Amino acid sequence: MVQSHLCFETLSNELRMQILERLKESPSNVEQLAQSLNAERSRVSHSLRMLLTCGYVSAERRGKERVYSIQSHITEGYGAEESGSVLNRMRLHVEHVCHNDCKKLQELKAQSH
């Protein structure tokens, strides 16, 4: 059985999405990402490990550090238009669908706890 839900669970974290957006700009090491995202280095490192395991990013050793890059299949469009990339499709979905329904979802989660 294909466990595609794991891929979506990985992307369901705000920090991991921020890391992917940042890596679209340029490859970076953990320290650079932590500084630019104003996040703890350990959280960034853990998130990168998950993104690496799921194949969203790749890592290249440069001396003592690892430099992370977003995988090209994540940012490349499936068609001629830019909106065809996975990240842009998710962003459009969030802007047009989730934006209106997120408060409802948060209320439902709060009620279930």
N, C-alpha and C. Protein backbone atom coordinates (compact mmCIF):
# COMPACT_ATOMS: atom_id res chain seq x y z
N MET A 1 0.84 -1.18 0.00
CA MET A 1 0.00 0.00 0.00
C MET A 1 0.88 1.25 0.00
N VAL A 2 0.59 2.19 -0.87
CA VAL A 2 1.34 3.43 -0.93
C VAL A 2 0.92 4.31 0.23
N GLN A 3 1.89 4.82 0.95
CA GLN A 3 1.59 5.64 2.10
C GLN A 3 1.81 7.11 1.77
N SER A 4 1.03 7.62 0.84
CA SER A 4 1.18 9.01 0.40
C SER A 4 0.84 10.00 1.50
N HIS A 5 0.07 9.55 2.50
CA HIS A 5 -0.26 10.47 3.58
C HIS A 5 0.99 10.96 4.30
N LEU A 6 2.07 10.16 4.30
CA LEU A 6 3.31 10.58 4.96
C LEU A 6 3.93 11.79 4.25
N CYS A 7 3.81 11.83 2.93
CA CYS A 7 4.32 12.98 2.18
C CYS A 7 3.56 14.23 2.56
N PHE A 8 2.25 14.10 2.69
CA PHE A 8 1.43 15.26 3.04
C PHE A 8 1.61 15.65 4.50
N GLU A 9 1.82 14.68 5.36
CA GLU A 9 2.10 15.00 6.76
C GLU A 9 3.38 15.81 6.87
N THR A 10 4.37 15.46 6.07
CA THR A 10 5.64 16.20 6.08
C THR A 10 5.40 17.65 5.69
N LEU A 11 4.54 17.87 4.71
CA LEU A 11 4.27 19.22 4.24
C LEU A 11 3.27 19.97 5.11
N SER A 12 2.68 19.30 6.08
CA SER A 12 1.66 19.95 6.90
C SER A 12 2.25 20.84 7.98
N ASN A 13 3.55 20.90 8.07
CA ASN A 13 4.23 21.69 9.08
C ASN A 13 4.66 23.04 8.50
N GLU A 14 4.33 24.12 9.17
CA GLU A 14 4.63 25.46 8.66
C GLU A 14 6.13 25.69 8.47
N LEU A 15 6.96 25.25 9.41
CA LEU A 15 8.40 25.45 9.28
C LEU A 15 8.95 24.71 8.07
N ARG A 16 8.50 23.50 7.84
CA ARG A 16 8.99 22.75 6.67
C ARG A 16 8.59 23.44 5.37
N MET A 17 7.40 24.00 5.33
CA MET A 17 6.98 24.75 4.15
C MET A 17 7.83 26.01 3.98
N GLN A 18 8.14 26.67 5.07
CA GLN A 18 8.99 27.86 5.01
C GLN A 18 10.39 27.49 4.51
N ILE A 19 10.89 26.36 4.95
CA ILE A 19 12.20 25.89 4.49
C ILE A 19 12.17 25.67 2.99
N LEU A 20 11.14 25.01 2.48
CA LEU A 20 11.03 24.78 1.05
C LEU A 20 10.97 26.09 0.28
N GLU A 21 10.19 27.03 0.78
CA GLU A 21 10.10 28.34 0.11
C GLU A 21 11.46 29.03 0.11
N ARG A 22 12.17 28.94 1.20
CA ARG A 22 13.51 29.58 1.30
C ARG A 22 14.49 28.89 0.37
N LEU A 23 14.43 27.57 0.28
CA LEU A 23 15.36 26.84 -0.59
C LEU A 23 15.06 27.06 -2.07
N LYS A 24 13.87 27.52 -2.39
CA LYS A 24 13.57 27.89 -3.77
C LYS A 24 14.46 29.05 -4.21
N GLU A 25 14.82 29.92 -3.25
CA GLU A 25 15.66 31.08 -3.54
C GLU A 25 17.11 30.70 -3.77
N SER A 26 17.64 29.85 -2.89
CA SER A 26 19.03 29.42 -3.03
C SER A 26 19.33 28.29 -2.05
N PRO A 27 20.29 27.44 -2.40
CA PRO A 27 20.71 26.39 -1.47
C PRO A 27 21.26 27.01 -0.18
N SER A 28 21.07 26.33 0.93
CA SER A 28 21.50 26.87 2.22
C SER A 28 21.87 25.76 3.18
N ASN A 29 22.68 26.11 4.18
CA ASN A 29 22.98 25.15 5.23
C ASN A 29 22.02 25.38 6.39
N VAL A 30 22.10 24.56 7.41
CA VAL A 30 21.17 24.63 8.54
C VAL A 30 21.24 25.99 9.23
N GLU A 31 22.43 26.47 9.46
CA GLU A 31 22.60 27.75 10.16
C GLU A 31 21.97 28.90 9.38
N GLN A 32 22.19 28.94 8.08
CA GLN A 32 21.61 30.00 7.25
C GLN A 32 20.09 29.94 7.29
N LEU A 33 19.54 28.74 7.20
CA LEU A 33 18.09 28.58 7.25
C LEU A 33 17.54 29.01 8.61
N ALA A 34 18.20 28.59 9.67
CA ALA A 34 17.73 28.94 11.02
C ALA A 34 17.73 30.45 11.21
N GLN A 35 18.77 31.11 10.75
CA GLN A 35 18.83 32.57 10.89
C GLN A 35 17.77 33.26 10.04
N SER A 36 17.65 32.87 8.79
CA SER A 36 16.71 33.55 7.90
C SER A 36 15.25 33.30 8.29
N LEU A 37 14.98 32.16 8.92
CA LEU A 37 13.61 31.83 9.33
C LEU A 37 13.34 32.14 10.80
N ASN A 38 14.38 32.63 11.49
CA ASN A 38 14.27 32.94 12.91
C ASN A 38 13.73 31.73 13.68
N ALA A 39 14.37 30.60 13.46
CA ALA A 39 13.95 29.34 14.08
C ALA A 39 15.15 28.68 14.76
N GLU A 40 14.86 27.84 15.73
CA GLU A 40 15.92 27.11 16.41
C GLU A 40 16.61 26.16 15.44
N ARG A 41 17.92 26.09 15.55
CA ARG A 41 18.70 25.25 14.66
C ARG A 41 18.26 23.78 14.73
N SER A 42 17.95 23.29 15.92
CA SER A 42 17.55 21.89 16.08
C SER A 42 16.23 21.61 15.36
N ARG A 43 15.28 22.56 15.41
CA ARG A 43 14.00 22.39 14.70
C ARG A 43 14.21 22.37 13.19
N VAL A 44 15.10 23.25 12.72
CA VAL A 44 15.39 23.30 11.28
C VAL A 44 16.06 22.00 10.85
N SER A 45 17.01 21.54 11.65
CA SER A 45 17.71 20.30 11.34
C SER A 45 16.75 19.11 11.28
N HIS A 46 15.86 19.02 12.25
CA HIS A 46 14.87 17.94 12.27
C HIS A 46 13.95 18.02 11.05
N SER A 47 13.51 19.23 10.72
CA SER A 47 12.64 19.41 9.56
C SER A 47 13.36 19.04 8.27
N LEU A 48 14.62 19.41 8.16
CA LEU A 48 15.39 19.07 6.97
C LEU A 48 15.55 17.56 6.83
N ARG A 49 15.74 16.88 7.94
CA ARG A 49 15.87 15.43 7.91
C ARG A 49 14.60 14.80 7.34
N MET A 50 13.44 15.31 7.74
CA MET A 50 12.18 14.78 7.23
C MET A 50 12.01 15.10 5.75
N LEU A 51 12.34 16.33 5.36
CA LEU A 51 12.23 16.74 3.95
C LEU A 51 13.19 15.93 3.09
N LEU A 52 14.35 15.62 3.61
CA LEU A 52 15.34 14.82 2.90
C LEU A 52 14.86 13.38 2.74
N THR A 53 14.32 12.82 3.80
CA THR A 53 13.81 11.45 3.77
C THR A 53 12.69 11.29 2.75
N CYS A 54 11.83 12.30 2.65
CA CYS A 54 10.70 12.25 1.72
C CYS A 54 11.09 12.67 0.30
N GLY A 55 12.32 13.08 0.11
CA GLY A 55 12.78 13.43 -1.23
C GLY A 55 12.41 14.83 -1.70
N TYR A 56 12.02 15.70 -0.78
CA TYR A 56 11.71 17.08 -1.16
C TYR A 56 12.98 17.92 -1.32
N VAL A 57 14.03 17.55 -0.60
CA VAL A 57 15.31 18.26 -0.69
C VAL A 57 16.44 17.26 -0.88
N SER A 58 17.57 17.78 -1.31
CA SER A 58 18.79 16.97 -1.39
C SER A 58 19.86 17.69 -0.58
N ALA A 59 20.91 16.96 -0.22
CA ALA A 59 21.99 17.54 0.57
C ALA A 59 23.33 17.21 -0.08
N GLU A 60 24.20 18.20 -0.05
CA GLU A 60 25.55 18.02 -0.59
C GLU A 60 26.54 18.44 0.49
N ARG A 61 27.51 17.56 0.75
CA ARG A 61 28.52 17.87 1.75
C ARG A 61 29.54 18.83 1.15
N ARG A 62 29.74 19.96 1.84
CA ARG A 62 30.75 20.94 1.46
C ARG A 62 31.61 21.20 2.68
N GLY A 63 32.75 20.54 2.72
CA GLY A 63 33.59 20.63 3.91
C GLY A 63 32.90 19.96 5.08
N LYS A 64 32.75 20.71 6.17
CA LYS A 64 32.12 20.16 7.38
C LYS A 64 30.60 20.34 7.39
N GLU A 65 30.07 21.09 6.44
CA GLU A 65 28.63 21.35 6.46
C GLU A 65 27.91 20.67 5.32
N ARG A 66 26.61 20.59 5.47
CA ARG A 66 25.75 20.06 4.41
C ARG A 66 24.92 21.22 3.88
N VAL A 67 24.90 21.33 2.57
CA VAL A 67 24.12 22.38 1.93
C VAL A 67 22.91 21.72 1.30
N TYR A 68 21.73 22.25 1.63
CA TYR A 68 20.47 21.67 1.18
C TYR A 68 19.93 22.45 0.00
N SER A 69 19.34 21.71 -0.93
CA SER A 69 18.70 22.28 -2.11
C SER A 69 17.35 21.64 -2.28
N ILE A 70 16.41 22.41 -2.82
CA ILE A 70 15.10 21.85 -3.11
C ILE A 70 15.22 21.00 -4.38
N GLN A 71 14.56 19.87 -4.41
CA GLN A 71 14.60 19.01 -5.58
C GLN A 71 13.87 19.69 -6.74
N SER A 72 14.41 19.57 -7.92
CA SER A 72 13.85 20.27 -9.08
C SER A 72 12.42 19.82 -9.39
N HIS A 73 12.09 18.56 -9.14
CA HIS A 73 10.73 18.11 -9.45
C HIS A 73 9.69 18.76 -8.56
N ILE A 74 10.10 19.37 -7.46
CA ILE A 74 9.17 20.07 -6.57
C ILE A 74 8.82 21.44 -7.13
N THR A 75 9.77 22.10 -7.75
CA THR A 75 9.54 23.47 -8.21
C THR A 75 9.20 23.57 -9.69
N GLU A 76 9.51 22.55 -10.46
CA GLU A 76 9.22 22.62 -11.89
C GLU A 76 7.75 22.38 -12.15
N GLY A 77 7.23 23.10 -13.10
CA GLY A 77 5.83 22.95 -13.46
C GLY A 77 5.60 21.68 -14.26
N TYR A 78 4.40 21.18 -14.18
CA TYR A 78 4.02 20.01 -14.96
C TYR A 78 3.55 20.41 -16.35
N GLY A 79 3.21 21.68 -16.49
CA GLY A 79 2.78 22.20 -17.78
C GLY A 79 3.58 23.43 -18.11
N ALA A 80 3.11 24.19 -19.05
CA ALA A 80 3.84 25.38 -19.46
C ALA A 80 3.74 26.50 -18.43
N GLU A 81 2.69 26.48 -17.63
CA GLU A 81 2.49 27.58 -16.70
C GLU A 81 3.20 27.35 -15.38
N GLU A 82 3.57 28.42 -14.72
CA GLU A 82 4.26 28.37 -13.44
C GLU A 82 3.38 27.76 -12.36
N SER A 83 2.08 27.94 -12.46
CA SER A 83 1.19 27.43 -11.42
C SER A 83 1.15 25.90 -11.39
N GLY A 84 1.84 25.25 -12.34
CA GLY A 84 1.84 23.80 -12.39
C GLY A 84 2.75 23.15 -11.37
N SER A 85 3.65 23.90 -10.71
CA SER A 85 4.55 23.27 -9.76
C SER A 85 3.79 22.85 -8.51
N VAL A 86 4.31 21.87 -7.84
CA VAL A 86 3.68 21.35 -6.63
C VAL A 86 3.51 22.46 -5.60
N LEU A 87 4.58 23.24 -5.35
CA LEU A 87 4.49 24.29 -4.35
C LEU A 87 3.48 25.36 -4.72
N ASN A 88 3.44 25.74 -5.97
CA ASN A 88 2.48 26.76 -6.38
C ASN A 88 1.05 26.25 -6.34
N ARG A 89 0.86 25.00 -6.68
CA ARG A 89 -0.49 24.43 -6.57
C ARG A 89 -0.95 24.42 -5.12
N MET A 90 -0.05 24.06 -4.21
CA MET A 90 -0.41 24.06 -2.80
C MET A 90 -0.69 25.47 -2.32
N ARG A 91 0.14 26.44 -2.73
CA ARG A 91 -0.04 27.82 -2.32
C ARG A 91 -1.39 28.35 -2.80
N LEU A 92 -1.73 28.08 -4.06
CA LEU A 92 -3.01 28.52 -4.60
C LEU A 92 -4.16 27.89 -3.82
N HIS A 93 -4.02 26.62 -3.49
CA HIS A 93 -5.05 25.93 -2.72
C HIS A 93 -5.23 26.60 -1.35
N VAL A 94 -4.11 26.88 -0.70
CA VAL A 94 -4.17 27.52 0.62
C VAL A 94 -4.82 28.90 0.52
N GLU A 95 -4.40 29.68 -0.47
CA GLU A 95 -4.93 31.03 -0.61
C GLU A 95 -6.42 31.05 -0.94
N HIS A 96 -6.87 30.13 -1.76
CA HIS A 96 -8.24 30.19 -2.23
C HIS A 96 -9.21 29.27 -1.50
N VAL A 97 -8.70 28.24 -0.89
CA VAL A 97 -9.58 27.28 -0.22
C VAL A 97 -9.35 27.28 1.28
N CYS A 98 -8.13 27.00 1.68
CA CYS A 98 -7.85 26.86 3.11
C CYS A 98 -8.01 28.17 3.87
N HIS A 99 -7.69 29.26 3.23
CA HIS A 99 -7.78 30.57 3.90
C HIS A 99 -9.17 30.76 4.51
N ASN A 100 -10.18 30.39 3.78
CA ASN A 100 -11.56 30.56 4.26
C ASN A 100 -11.98 29.49 5.25
N ASP A 101 -11.42 28.31 5.15
CA ASP A 101 -11.86 27.19 5.97
C ASP A 101 -10.96 26.89 7.15
N CYS A 102 -9.81 27.54 7.26
CA CYS A 102 -8.87 27.23 8.34
C CYS A 102 -9.45 27.51 9.71
N LYS A 103 -10.19 28.60 9.85
CA LYS A 103 -10.79 28.90 11.16
C LYS A 103 -11.77 27.82 11.56
N LYS A 104 -12.54 27.34 10.60
CA LYS A 104 -13.49 26.26 10.88
C LYS A 104 -12.75 25.00 11.30
N LEU A 105 -11.66 24.70 10.60
CA LEU A 105 -10.87 23.51 10.93
C LEU A 105 -10.26 23.64 12.32
N GLN A 106 -9.74 24.82 12.66
CA GLN A 106 -9.17 25.02 13.98
C GLN A 106 -10.23 24.85 15.06
N GLU A 107 -11.43 25.35 14.81
CA GLU A 107 -12.52 25.19 15.77
C GLU A 107 -12.88 23.72 15.96
N LEU A 108 -12.92 22.98 14.85
CA LEU A 108 -13.22 21.54 14.95
C LEU A 108 -12.15 20.81 15.74
N LYS A 109 -10.88 21.14 15.49
CA LYS A 109 -9.79 20.50 16.23
C LYS A 109 -9.87 20.82 17.71
N ALA A 110 -10.19 22.07 18.04
CA ALA A 110 -10.29 22.49 19.44
C ALA A 110 -11.43 21.74 20.15
N GLN A 111 -12.53 21.55 19.44
CA GLN A 111 -13.66 20.85 20.02
C GLN A 111 -13.37 19.38 20.27
N SER A 112 -12.50 18.80 19.46
CA SER A 112 -12.22 17.37 19.58
C SER A 112 -11.21 17.08 20.70
N HIS A 113 -10.58 18.11 21.23
CA HIS A 113 -9.59 17.88 22.31
C HIS A 113 -10.19 18.09 23.63
